[in-house]
Amino acid sequence: MNLSEIKSKEIMPGYHGKLVHGESMSWVFWDVDQDAEVPEHFHIHEQIMHVVEGTFELTLDGKTDTYHPGDVVIIPSNMPHRGKALTKCKLMDIFSPVRDEYR
């Protein structure tokens, strides 16, 4: 499989993802529009976010930080978080277990 062959899905406004699912994890390659926001939420999935391009603001358990290319953030299971793309962004997220609702 090649990433170019995977059709992008708009999972939420401004968040266009190419999704890859294994048995125990999901890997998402995001193209995010500037100013697109993810409201505060939490989930059972452990999440690791990597900023590939752009500037992304993430609030994790009430603490807000700004992330740039090369930054990696570990989001524990059931930890409240929200985010906003301060510029156009390319992000990668890994979720474990699989995000079945993203299939």
PDB file of N, CA and C in Angstrom:
ATOM      1  N   MET A   1       0.856  -1.174   0.000  1.00  0.00           N
ATOM      2  CA  MET A   1       0.000   0.000   0.000  1.00  0.00           C
ATOM      3  C   MET A   1       0.900   1.233   0.000  1.00  0.00           C
ATOM      4  N   ASN A   2       0.475   2.265  -0.701  1.00  0.00           N
ATOM      5  CA  ASN A   2       1.178   3.534  -0.735  1.00  0.00           C
ATOM      6  C   ASN A   2       0.222   4.604  -0.233  1.00  0.00           C
ATOM      7  N   LEU A   3       0.746   5.546   0.559  1.00  0.00           N
ATOM      8  CA  LEU A   3      -0.092   6.597   1.134  1.00  0.00           C
ATOM      9  C   LEU A   3      -0.865   7.359   0.057  1.00  0.00           C
ATOM     10  N   SER A   4      -0.277   7.507  -1.118  1.00  0.00           N
ATOM     11  CA  SER A   4      -0.945   8.235  -2.203  1.00  0.00           C
ATOM     12  C   SER A   4      -2.205   7.519  -2.687  1.00  0.00           C
ATOM     13  N   GLU A   5      -2.332   6.232  -2.386  1.00  0.00           N
ATOM     14  CA  GLU A   5      -3.490   5.447  -2.816  1.00  0.00           C
ATOM     15  C   GLU A   5      -4.643   5.493  -1.815  1.00  0.00           C
ATOM     16  N   ILE A   6      -4.413   6.064  -0.650  1.00  0.00           N
ATOM     17  CA  ILE A   6      -5.444   6.096   0.396  1.00  0.00           C
ATOM     18  C   ILE A   6      -6.275   7.359   0.232  1.00  0.00           C
ATOM     19  N   LYS A   7      -7.577   7.187   0.163  1.00  0.00           N
ATOM     20  CA  LYS A   7      -8.492   8.316   0.014  1.00  0.00           C
ATOM     21  C   LYS A   7      -8.606   9.066   1.343  1.00  0.00           C
ATOM     22  N   SER A   8      -8.532  10.375   1.284  1.00  0.00           N
ATOM     23  CA  SER A   8      -8.653  11.222   2.467  1.00  0.00           C
ATOM     24  C   SER A   8     -10.120  11.347   2.891  1.00  0.00           C
ATOM     25  N   LYS A   9     -10.340  11.361   4.213  1.00  0.00           N
ATOM     26  CA  LYS A   9     -11.690  11.562   4.763  1.00  0.00           C
ATOM     27  C   LYS A   9     -11.666  12.786   5.674  1.00  0.00           C
ATOM     28  N   GLU A  10     -12.690  13.640   5.560  1.00  0.00           N
ATOM     29  CA  GLU A  10     -12.808  14.769   6.484  1.00  0.00           C
ATOM     30  C   GLU A  10     -13.531  14.248   7.733  1.00  0.00           C
ATOM     31  N   ILE A  11     -12.755  14.000   8.771  1.00  0.00           N
ATOM     32  CA  ILE A  11     -13.280  13.402  10.009  1.00  0.00           C
ATOM     33  C   ILE A  11     -14.053  14.431  10.811  1.00  0.00           C
ATOM     34  N   MET A  12     -13.574  15.673  10.808  1.00  0.00           N
ATOM     35  CA  MET A  12     -14.268  16.802  11.426  1.00  0.00           C
ATOM     36  C   MET A  12     -13.901  18.021  10.595  1.00  0.00           C
ATOM     37  N   PRO A  13     -14.636  19.137  10.710  1.00  0.00           N
ATOM     38  CA  PRO A  13     -14.368  20.275   9.833  1.00  0.00           C
ATOM     39  C   PRO A  13     -12.893  20.699   9.861  1.00  0.00           C
ATOM     40  N   GLY A  14     -12.285  20.686   8.659  1.00  0.00           N
ATOM     41  CA  GLY A  14     -10.909  21.124   8.515  1.00  0.00           C
ATOM     42  C   GLY A  14      -9.858  20.075   8.786  1.00  0.00           C
ATOM     43  N   TYR A  15     -10.256  18.863   9.183  1.00  0.00           N
ATOM     44  CA  TYR A  15      -9.313  17.778   9.492  1.00  0.00           C
ATOM     45  C   TYR A  15      -9.502  16.661   8.470  1.00  0.00           C
ATOM     46  N   HIS A  16      -8.586  16.610   7.499  1.00  0.00           N
ATOM     47  CA  HIS A  16      -8.647  15.651   6.404  1.00  0.00           C
ATOM     48  C   HIS A  16      -7.605  14.573   6.675  1.00  0.00           C
ATOM     49  N   GLY A  17      -8.051  13.342   6.885  1.00  0.00           N
ATOM     50  CA  GLY A  17      -7.145  12.284   7.296  1.00  0.00           C
ATOM     51  C   GLY A  17      -7.073  11.120   6.329  1.00  0.00           C
ATOM     52  N   LYS A  18      -5.871  10.599   6.172  1.00  0.00           N
ATOM     53  CA  LYS A  18      -5.658   9.313   5.508  1.00  0.00           C
ATOM     54  C   LYS A  18      -5.406   8.323   6.634  1.00  0.00           C
ATOM     55  N   LEU A  19      -6.242   7.279   6.696  1.00  0.00           N
ATOM     56  CA  LEU A  19      -6.256   6.386   7.850  1.00  0.00           C
ATOM     57  C   LEU A  19      -5.744   5.004   7.499  1.00  0.00           C
ATOM     58  N   VAL A  20      -4.886   4.500   8.375  1.00  0.00           N
ATOM     59  CA  VAL A  20      -4.336   3.156   8.234  1.00  0.00           C
ATOM     60  C   VAL A  20      -4.624   2.428   9.544  1.00  0.00           C
ATOM     61  N   HIS A  21      -5.234   1.231   9.446  1.00  0.00           N
ATOM     62  CA  HIS A  21      -5.610   0.480  10.644  1.00  0.00           C
ATOM     63  C   HIS A  21      -4.908  -0.870  10.669  1.00  0.00           C
ATOM     64  N   GLY A  22      -4.288  -1.182  11.798  1.00  0.00           N
ATOM     65  CA  GLY A  22      -3.748  -2.503  12.046  1.00  0.00           C
ATOM     66  C   GLY A  22      -4.665  -3.235  13.011  1.00  0.00           C
ATOM     67  N   GLU A  23      -4.171  -4.294  13.607  1.00  0.00           N
ATOM     68  CA  GLU A  23      -4.986  -5.043  14.570  1.00  0.00           C
ATOM     69  C   GLU A  23      -5.171  -4.294  15.878  1.00  0.00           C
ATOM     70  N   SER A  24      -4.154  -3.543  16.313  1.00  0.00           N
ATOM     71  CA  SER A  24      -4.232  -2.917  17.632  1.00  0.00           C
ATOM     72  C   SER A  24      -3.952  -1.416  17.623  1.00  0.00           C
ATOM     73  N   MET A  25      -3.823  -0.823  16.431  1.00  0.00           N
ATOM     74  CA  MET A  25      -3.580   0.618  16.387  1.00  0.00           C
ATOM     75  C   MET A  25      -4.089   1.210  15.083  1.00  0.00           C
ATOM     76  N   SER A  26      -4.293   2.532  15.126  1.00  0.00           N
ATOM     77  CA  SER A  26      -4.640   3.305  13.936  1.00  0.00           C
ATOM     78  C   SER A  26      -3.595   4.395  13.772  1.00  0.00           C
ATOM     79  N   TRP A  27      -3.243   4.666  12.511  1.00  0.00           N
ATOM     80  CA  TRP A  27      -2.263   5.696  12.178  1.00  0.00           C
ATOM     81  C   TRP A  27      -2.963   6.645  11.221  1.00  0.00           C
ATOM     82  N   VAL A  28      -2.975   7.938  11.573  1.00  0.00           N
ATOM     83  CA  VAL A  28      -3.687   8.925  10.767  1.00  0.00           C
ATOM     84  C   VAL A  28      -2.711   9.998  10.298  1.00  0.00           C
ATOM     85  N   PHE A  29      -2.752  10.283   8.997  1.00  0.00           N
ATOM     86  CA  PHE A  29      -1.966  11.340   8.385  1.00  0.00           C
ATOM     87  C   PHE A  29      -2.936  12.485   8.087  1.00  0.00           C
ATOM     88  N   TRP A  30      -2.804  13.572   8.825  1.00  0.00           N
ATOM     89  CA  TRP A  30      -3.753  14.680   8.732  1.00  0.00           C
ATOM     90  C   TRP A  30      -3.213  15.830   7.885  1.00  0.00           C
ATOM     91  N   ASP A  31      -4.073  16.401   7.060  1.00  0.00           N
ATOM     92  CA  ASP A  31      -3.885  17.727   6.480  1.00  0.00           C
ATOM     93  C   ASP A  31      -4.938  18.589   7.163  1.00  0.00           C
ATOM     94  N   VAL A  32      -4.485  19.617   7.869  1.00  0.00           N
ATOM     95  CA  VAL A  32      -5.389  20.409   8.708  1.00  0.00           C
ATOM     96  C   VAL A  32      -5.420  21.848   8.198  1.00  0.00           C
ATOM     97  N   ASP A  33      -6.624  22.364   8.005  1.00  0.00           N
ATOM     98  CA  ASP A  33      -6.801  23.747   7.565  1.00  0.00           C
ATOM     99  C   ASP A  33      -6.453  24.719   8.686  1.00  0.00           C
ATOM    100  N   GLN A  34      -5.901  25.870   8.314  1.00  0.00           N
ATOM    101  CA  GLN A  34      -5.618  26.898   9.310  1.00  0.00           C
ATOM    102  C   GLN A  34      -6.887  27.254  10.066  1.00  0.00           C
ATOM    103  N   ASP A  35      -6.766  27.422  11.379  1.00  0.00           N
ATOM    104  CA  ASP A  35      -7.840  27.788  12.310  1.00  0.00           C
ATOM    105  C   ASP A  35      -8.836  26.662  12.589  1.00  0.00           C
ATOM    106  N   ALA A  36      -8.630  25.478  12.013  1.00  0.00           N
ATOM    107  CA  ALA A  36      -9.528  24.351  12.319  1.00  0.00           C
ATOM    108  C   ALA A  36      -9.303  23.926  13.774  1.00  0.00           C
ATOM    109  N   GLU A  37     -10.405  23.671  14.469  1.00  0.00           N
ATOM    110  CA  GLU A  37     -10.334  23.337  15.889  1.00  0.00           C
ATOM    111  C   GLU A  37     -10.930  21.966  16.182  1.00  0.00           C
ATOM    112  N   VAL A  38     -10.355  21.320  17.168  1.00  0.00           N
ATOM    113  CA  VAL A  38     -10.919  20.099  17.744  1.00  0.00           C
ATOM    114  C   VAL A  38     -11.400  20.480  19.135  1.00  0.00           C
ATOM    115  N   PRO A  39     -12.707  20.368  19.425  1.00  0.00           N
ATOM    116  CA  PRO A  39     -13.187  20.729  20.756  1.00  0.00           C
ATOM    117  C   PRO A  39     -12.644  19.779  21.826  1.00  0.00           C
ATOM    118  N   GLU A  40     -12.692  20.219  23.067  1.00  0.00           N
ATOM    119  CA  GLU A  40     -12.196  19.368  24.154  1.00  0.00           C
ATOM    120  C   GLU A  40     -12.952  18.041  24.174  1.00  0.00           C
ATOM    121  N   HIS A  41     -12.185  16.974  24.318  1.00  0.00           N
ATOM    122  CA  HIS A  41     -12.742  15.627  24.336  1.00  0.00           C
ATOM    123  C   HIS A  41     -11.735  14.703  25.004  1.00  0.00           C
ATOM    124  N   PHE A  42     -12.128  13.482  25.201  1.00  0.00           N
ATOM    125  CA  PHE A  42     -11.202  12.445  25.667  1.00  0.00           C
ATOM    126  C   PHE A  42     -11.697  11.122  25.127  1.00  0.00           C
ATOM    127  N   HIS A  43     -10.815  10.130  25.128  1.00  0.00           N
ATOM    128  CA  HIS A  43     -11.163   8.811  24.609  1.00  0.00           C
ATOM    129  C   HIS A  43     -10.286   7.769  25.282  1.00  0.00           C
ATOM    130  N   ILE A  44     -10.687   6.516  25.150  1.00  0.00           N
ATOM    131  CA  ILE A  44      -9.931   5.439  25.791  1.00  0.00           C
ATOM    132  C   ILE A  44      -8.582   5.219  25.128  1.00  0.00           C
ATOM    133  N   HIS A  45      -8.432   5.711  23.916  1.00  0.00           N
ATOM    134  CA  HIS A  45      -7.217   5.465  23.132  1.00  0.00           C
ATOM    135  C   HIS A  45      -6.040   6.276  23.660  1.00  0.00           C
ATOM    136  N   GLU A  46      -4.889   5.630  23.805  1.00  0.00           N
ATOM    137  CA  GLU A  46      -3.651   6.372  23.984  1.00  0.00           C
ATOM    138  C   GLU A  46      -3.324   6.954  22.609  1.00  0.00           C
ATOM    139  N   GLN A  47      -2.824   8.184  22.594  1.00  0.00           N
ATOM    140  CA  GLN A  47      -2.576   8.884  21.335  1.00  0.00           C
ATOM    141  C   GLN A  47      -1.172   9.478  21.360  1.00  0.00           C
ATOM    142  N   ILE A  48      -0.472   9.372  20.252  1.00  0.00           N
ATOM    143  CA  ILE A  48       0.804  10.062  20.083  1.00  0.00           C
ATOM    144  C   ILE A  48       0.659  10.937  18.848  1.00  0.00           C
ATOM    145  N   MET A  49       0.894  12.241  19.039  1.00  0.00           N
ATOM    146  CA  MET A  49       0.770  13.211  17.954  1.00  0.00           C
ATOM    147  C   MET A  49       2.159  13.690  17.558  1.00  0.00           C
ATOM    148  N   HIS A  50       2.384  13.792  16.251  1.00  0.00           N
ATOM    149  CA  HIS A  50       3.643  14.328  15.714  1.00  0.00           C
ATOM    150  C   HIS A  50       3.305  15.456  14.744  1.00  0.00           C
ATOM    151  N   VAL A  51       3.923  16.628  14.951  1.00  0.00           N
ATOM    152  CA  VAL A  51       3.739  17.749  14.036  1.00  0.00           C
ATOM    153  C   VAL A  51       4.775  17.615  12.921  1.00  0.00           C
ATOM    154  N   VAL A  52       4.291  17.458  11.693  1.00  0.00           N
ATOM    155  CA  VAL A  52       5.162  17.328  10.528  1.00  0.00           C
ATOM    156  C   VAL A  52       5.429  18.710   9.927  1.00  0.00           C
ATOM    157  N   GLU A  53       4.372  19.502   9.763  1.00  0.00           N
ATOM    158  CA  GLU A  53       4.480  20.860   9.223  1.00  0.00           C
ATOM    159  C   GLU A  53       3.484  21.750   9.942  1.00  0.00           C
ATOM    160  N   GLY A  54       3.832  23.031  10.091  1.00  0.00           N
ATOM    161  CA  GLY A  54       2.915  24.017  10.643  1.00  0.00           C
ATOM    162  C   GLY A  54       3.079  24.214  12.138  1.00  0.00           C
ATOM    163  N   THR A  55       2.141  24.979  12.685  1.00  0.00           N
ATOM    164  CA  THR A  55       2.126  25.302  14.112  1.00  0.00           C
ATOM    165  C   THR A  55       0.769  24.915  14.671  1.00  0.00           C
ATOM    166  N   PHE A  56       0.777  24.095  15.719  1.00  0.00           N
ATOM    167  CA  PHE A  56      -0.451  23.549  16.288  1.00  0.00           C
ATOM    168  C   PHE A  56      -0.492  23.842  17.782  1.00  0.00           C
ATOM    169  N   GLU A  57      -1.632  24.358  18.240  1.00  0.00           N
ATOM    170  CA  GLU A  57      -1.837  24.634  19.662  1.00  0.00           C
ATOM    171  C   GLU A  57      -2.644  23.490  20.266  1.00  0.00           C
ATOM    172  N   LEU A  58      -2.134  22.920  21.337  1.00  0.00           N
ATOM    173  CA  LEU A  58      -2.804  21.799  21.997  1.00  0.00           C
ATOM    174  C   LEU A  58      -2.951  22.113  23.472  1.00  0.00           C
ATOM    175  N   THR A  59      -4.159  21.922  23.972  1.00  0.00           N
ATOM    176  CA  THR A  59      -4.410  22.030  25.408  1.00  0.00           C
ATOM    177  C   THR A  59      -4.619  20.624  25.922  1.00  0.00           C
ATOM    178  N   LEU A  60      -3.753  20.222  26.840  1.00  0.00           N
ATOM    179  CA  LEU A  60      -3.747  18.868  27.380  1.00  0.00           C
ATOM    180  C   LEU A  60      -3.921  18.965  28.887  1.00  0.00           C
ATOM    181  N   ASP A  61      -5.048  18.446  29.381  1.00  0.00           N
ATOM    182  CA  ASP A  61      -5.353  18.482  30.808  1.00  0.00           C
ATOM    183  C   ASP A  61      -5.265  19.908  31.364  1.00  0.00           C
ATOM    184  N   GLY A  62      -5.772  20.883  30.570  1.00  0.00           N
ATOM    185  CA  GLY A  62      -5.849  22.270  31.011  1.00  0.00           C
ATOM    186  C   GLY A  62      -4.614  23.111  30.739  1.00  0.00           C
ATOM    187  N   LYS A  63      -3.531  22.533  30.252  1.00  0.00           N
ATOM    188  CA  LYS A  63      -2.284  23.269  29.981  1.00  0.00           C
ATOM    189  C   LYS A  63      -2.120  23.413  28.465  1.00  0.00           C
ATOM    190  N   THR A  64      -1.976  24.663  28.000  1.00  0.00           N
ATOM    191  CA  THR A  64      -1.868  24.944  26.573  1.00  0.00           C
ATOM    192  C   THR A  64      -0.413  25.169  26.181  1.00  0.00           C
ATOM    193  N   ASP A  65       0.000  24.505  25.096  1.00  0.00           N
ATOM    194  CA  ASP A  65       1.333  24.680  24.528  1.00  0.00           C
ATOM    195  C   ASP A  65       1.206  24.776  23.019  1.00  0.00           C
ATOM    196  N   THR A  66       2.234  25.343  22.396  1.00  0.00           N
ATOM    197  CA  THR A  66       2.300  25.464  20.951  1.00  0.00           C
ATOM    198  C   THR A  66       3.384  24.519  20.443  1.00  0.00           C
ATOM    199  N   TYR A  67       3.058  23.774  19.397  1.00  0.00           N
ATOM    200  CA  TYR A  67       3.955  22.747  18.865  1.00  0.00           C
ATOM    201  C   TYR A  67       4.320  23.057  17.422  1.00  0.00           C
ATOM    202  N   HIS A  68       5.554  22.681  17.069  1.00  0.00           N
ATOM    203  CA  HIS A  68       6.143  22.988  15.768  1.00  0.00           C
ATOM    204  C   HIS A  68       6.682  21.702  15.136  1.00  0.00           C
ATOM    205  N   PRO A  69       7.115  21.785  13.867  1.00  0.00           N
ATOM    206  CA  PRO A  69       7.625  20.588  13.195  1.00  0.00           C
ATOM    207  C   PRO A  69       8.687  19.859  14.029  1.00  0.00           C
ATOM    208  N   GLY A  70       8.499  18.544  14.120  1.00  0.00           N
ATOM    209  CA  GLY A  70       9.393  17.694  14.891  1.00  0.00           C
ATOM    210  C   GLY A  70       8.905  17.406  16.294  1.00  0.00           C
ATOM    211  N   ASP A  71       7.958  18.197  16.794  1.00  0.00           N
ATOM    212  CA  ASP A  71       7.442  17.976  18.148  1.00  0.00           C
ATOM    213  C   ASP A  71       6.553  16.742  18.202  1.00  0.00           C
ATOM    214  N   VAL A  72       6.653  16.036  19.311  1.00  0.00           N
ATOM    215  CA  VAL A  72       5.863  14.828  19.576  1.00  0.00           C
ATOM    216  C   VAL A  72       5.193  14.998  20.929  1.00  0.00           C
ATOM    217  N   VAL A  73       3.910  14.637  21.000  1.00  0.00           N
ATOM    218  CA  VAL A  73       3.151  14.750  22.247  1.00  0.00           C
ATOM    219  C   VAL A  73       2.477  13.414  22.530  1.00  0.00           C
ATOM    220  N   ILE A  74       2.619  12.932  23.756  1.00  0.00           N
ATOM    221  CA  ILE A  74       1.923  11.720  24.186  1.00  0.00           C
ATOM    222  C   ILE A  74       0.678  12.150  24.956  1.00  0.00           C
ATOM    223  N   ILE A  75      -0.471  11.667  24.502  1.00  0.00           N
ATOM    224  CA  ILE A  75      -1.760  11.985  25.131  1.00  0.00           C
ATOM    225  C   ILE A  75      -2.269  10.694  25.768  1.00  0.00           C
ATOM    226  N   PRO A  76      -2.232  10.618  27.109  1.00  0.00           N
ATOM    227  CA  PRO A  76      -2.670   9.387  27.773  1.00  0.00           C
ATOM    228  C   PRO A  76      -4.154   9.106  27.572  1.00  0.00           C
ATOM    229  N   SER A  77      -4.517   7.869  27.762  1.00  0.00           N
ATOM    230  CA  SER A  77      -5.911   7.441  27.713  1.00  0.00           C
ATOM    231  C   SER A  77      -6.756   8.283  28.663  1.00  0.00           C
ATOM    232  N   ASN A  78      -7.931   8.705  28.188  1.00  0.00           N
ATOM    233  CA  ASN A  78      -8.920   9.453  28.970  1.00  0.00           C
ATOM    234  C   ASN A  78      -8.448  10.823  29.460  1.00  0.00           C
ATOM    235  N   MET A  79      -7.403  11.385  28.850  1.00  0.00           N
ATOM    236  CA  MET A  79      -6.909  12.720  29.213  1.00  0.00           C
ATOM    237  C   MET A  79      -7.632  13.769  28.366  1.00  0.00           C
ATOM    238  N   PRO A  80      -8.324  14.729  29.005  1.00  0.00           N
ATOM    239  CA  PRO A  80      -9.005  15.775  28.231  1.00  0.00           C
ATOM    240  C   PRO A  80      -7.996  16.587  27.408  1.00  0.00           C
ATOM    241  N   HIS A  81      -8.360  16.855  26.135  1.00  0.00           N
ATOM    242  CA  HIS A  81      -7.500  17.645  25.264  1.00  0.00           C
ATOM    243  C   HIS A  81      -8.322  18.297  24.160  1.00  0.00           C
ATOM    244  N   ARG A  82      -7.763  19.389  23.633  1.00  0.00           N
ATOM    245  CA  ARG A  82      -8.361  20.089  22.487  1.00  0.00           C
ATOM    246  C   ARG A  82      -7.233  20.719  21.700  1.00  0.00           C
ATOM    247  N   GLY A  83      -7.504  21.086  20.448  1.00  0.00           N
ATOM    248  CA  GLY A  83      -6.437  21.637  19.632  1.00  0.00           C
ATOM    249  C   GLY A  83      -6.936  22.611  18.592  1.00  0.00           C
ATOM    250  N   LYS A  84      -5.970  23.387  18.058  1.00  0.00           N
ATOM    251  CA  LYS A  84      -6.276  24.353  17.005  1.00  0.00           C
ATOM    252  C   LYS A  84      -5.040  24.499  16.122  1.00  0.00           C
ATOM    253  N   ALA A  85      -5.262  24.451  14.812  1.00  0.00           N
ATOM    254  CA  ALA A  85      -4.183  24.674  13.852  1.00  0.00           C
ATOM    255  C   ALA A  85      -3.977  26.183  13.705  1.00  0.00           C
ATOM    256  N   LEU A  86      -2.848  26.684  14.179  1.00  0.00           N
ATOM    257  CA  LEU A  86      -2.558  28.113  14.069  1.00  0.00           C
ATOM    258  C   LEU A  86      -2.145  28.475  12.642  1.00  0.00           C
ATOM    259  N   THR A  87      -1.649  27.475  11.901  1.00  0.00           N
ATOM    260  CA  THR A  87      -1.341  27.601  10.478  1.00  0.00           C
ATOM    261  C   THR A  87      -1.872  26.329   9.822  1.00  0.00           C
ATOM    262  N   LYS A  88      -1.778  26.238   8.506  1.00  0.00           N
ATOM    263  CA  LYS A  88      -2.042  24.939   7.870  1.00  0.00           C
ATOM    264  C   LYS A  88      -1.045  23.957   8.471  1.00  0.00           C
ATOM    265  N   CYS A  89      -1.500  22.749   8.743  1.00  0.00           N
ATOM    266  CA  CYS A  89      -0.636  21.765   9.392  1.00  0.00           C
ATOM    267  C   CYS A  89      -0.704  20.417   8.689  1.00  0.00           C
ATOM    268  N   LYS A  90       0.379  19.685   8.839  1.00  0.00           N
ATOM    269  CA  LYS A  90       0.403  18.251   8.563  1.00  0.00           C
ATOM    270  C   LYS A  90       0.768  17.606   9.894  1.00  0.00           C
ATOM    271  N   LEU A  91      -0.107  16.723  10.353  1.00  0.00           N
ATOM    272  CA  LEU A  91       0.086  16.026  11.620  1.00  0.00           C
ATOM    273  C   LEU A  91       0.008  14.529  11.387  1.00  0.00           C
ATOM    274  N   MET A  92       0.611  13.771  12.279  1.00  0.00           N
ATOM    275  CA  MET A  92       0.424  12.322  12.306  1.00  0.00           C
ATOM    276  C   MET A  92      -0.035  11.968  13.716  1.00  0.00           C
ATOM    277  N   ASP A  93      -1.043  11.131  13.800  1.00  0.00           N
ATOM    278  CA  ASP A  93      -1.523  10.610  15.077  1.00  0.00           C
ATOM    279  C   ASP A  93      -1.493   9.096  15.033  1.00  0.00           C
ATOM    280  N   ILE A  94      -1.053   8.524  16.125  1.00  0.00           N
ATOM    281  CA  ILE A  94      -1.168   7.078  16.318  1.00  0.00           C
ATOM    282  C   ILE A  94      -2.096   6.866  17.501  1.00  0.00           C
ATOM    283  N   PHE A  95      -3.056   5.964  17.345  1.00  0.00           N
ATOM    284  CA  PHE A  95      -4.016   5.639  18.398  1.00  0.00           C
ATOM    285  C   PHE A  95      -3.942   4.149  18.708  1.00  0.00           C
ATOM    286  N   SER A  96      -4.006   3.835  19.990  1.00  0.00           N
ATOM    287  CA  SER A  96      -4.104   2.434  20.405  1.00  0.00           C
ATOM    288  C   SER A  96      -5.099   2.354  21.552  1.00  0.00           C
ATOM    289  N   PRO A  97      -6.089   1.483  21.481  1.00  0.00           N
ATOM    290  CA  PRO A  97      -6.380   0.538  20.420  1.00  0.00           C
ATOM    291  C   PRO A  97      -6.897   1.237  19.150  1.00  0.00           C
ATOM    292  N   VAL A  98      -7.296   0.438  18.173  1.00  0.00           N
ATOM    293  CA  VAL A  98      -7.807   0.927  16.892  1.00  0.00           C
ATOM    294  C   VAL A  98      -8.967   1.891  17.114  1.00  0.00           C
ATOM    295  N   ARG A  99      -9.003   2.977  16.310  1.00  0.00           N
ATOM    296  CA  ARG A  99     -10.148   3.897  16.315  1.00  0.00           C
ATOM    297  C   ARG A  99     -11.188   3.354  15.325  1.00  0.00           C
ATOM    298  N   ASP A 100     -12.025   2.434  15.794  1.00  0.00           N
ATOM    299  CA  ASP A 100     -13.014   1.818  14.908  1.00  0.00           C
ATOM    300  C   ASP A 100     -13.935   2.844  14.270  1.00  0.00           C
ATOM    301  N   GLU A 101     -14.240   3.921  14.981  1.00  0.00           N
ATOM    302  CA  GLU A 101     -15.150   4.936  14.422  1.00  0.00           C
ATOM    303  C   GLU A 101     -14.510   5.682  13.260  1.00  0.00           C
ATOM    304  N   TYR A 102     -13.206   5.542  13.048  1.00  0.00           N
ATOM    305  CA  TYR A 102     -12.521   6.175  11.918  1.00  0.00           C
ATOM    306  C   TYR A 102     -12.467   5.267  10.689  1.00  0.00           C
ATOM    307  N   ARG A 103     -12.930   4.042  10.819  1.00  0.00           N
ATOM    308  CA  ARG A 103     -12.867   3.116   9.680  1.00  0.00           C
ATOM    309  C   ARG A 103     -13.788   3.572   8.550  1.00  0.00           C
TER     310      ARG A 103
END
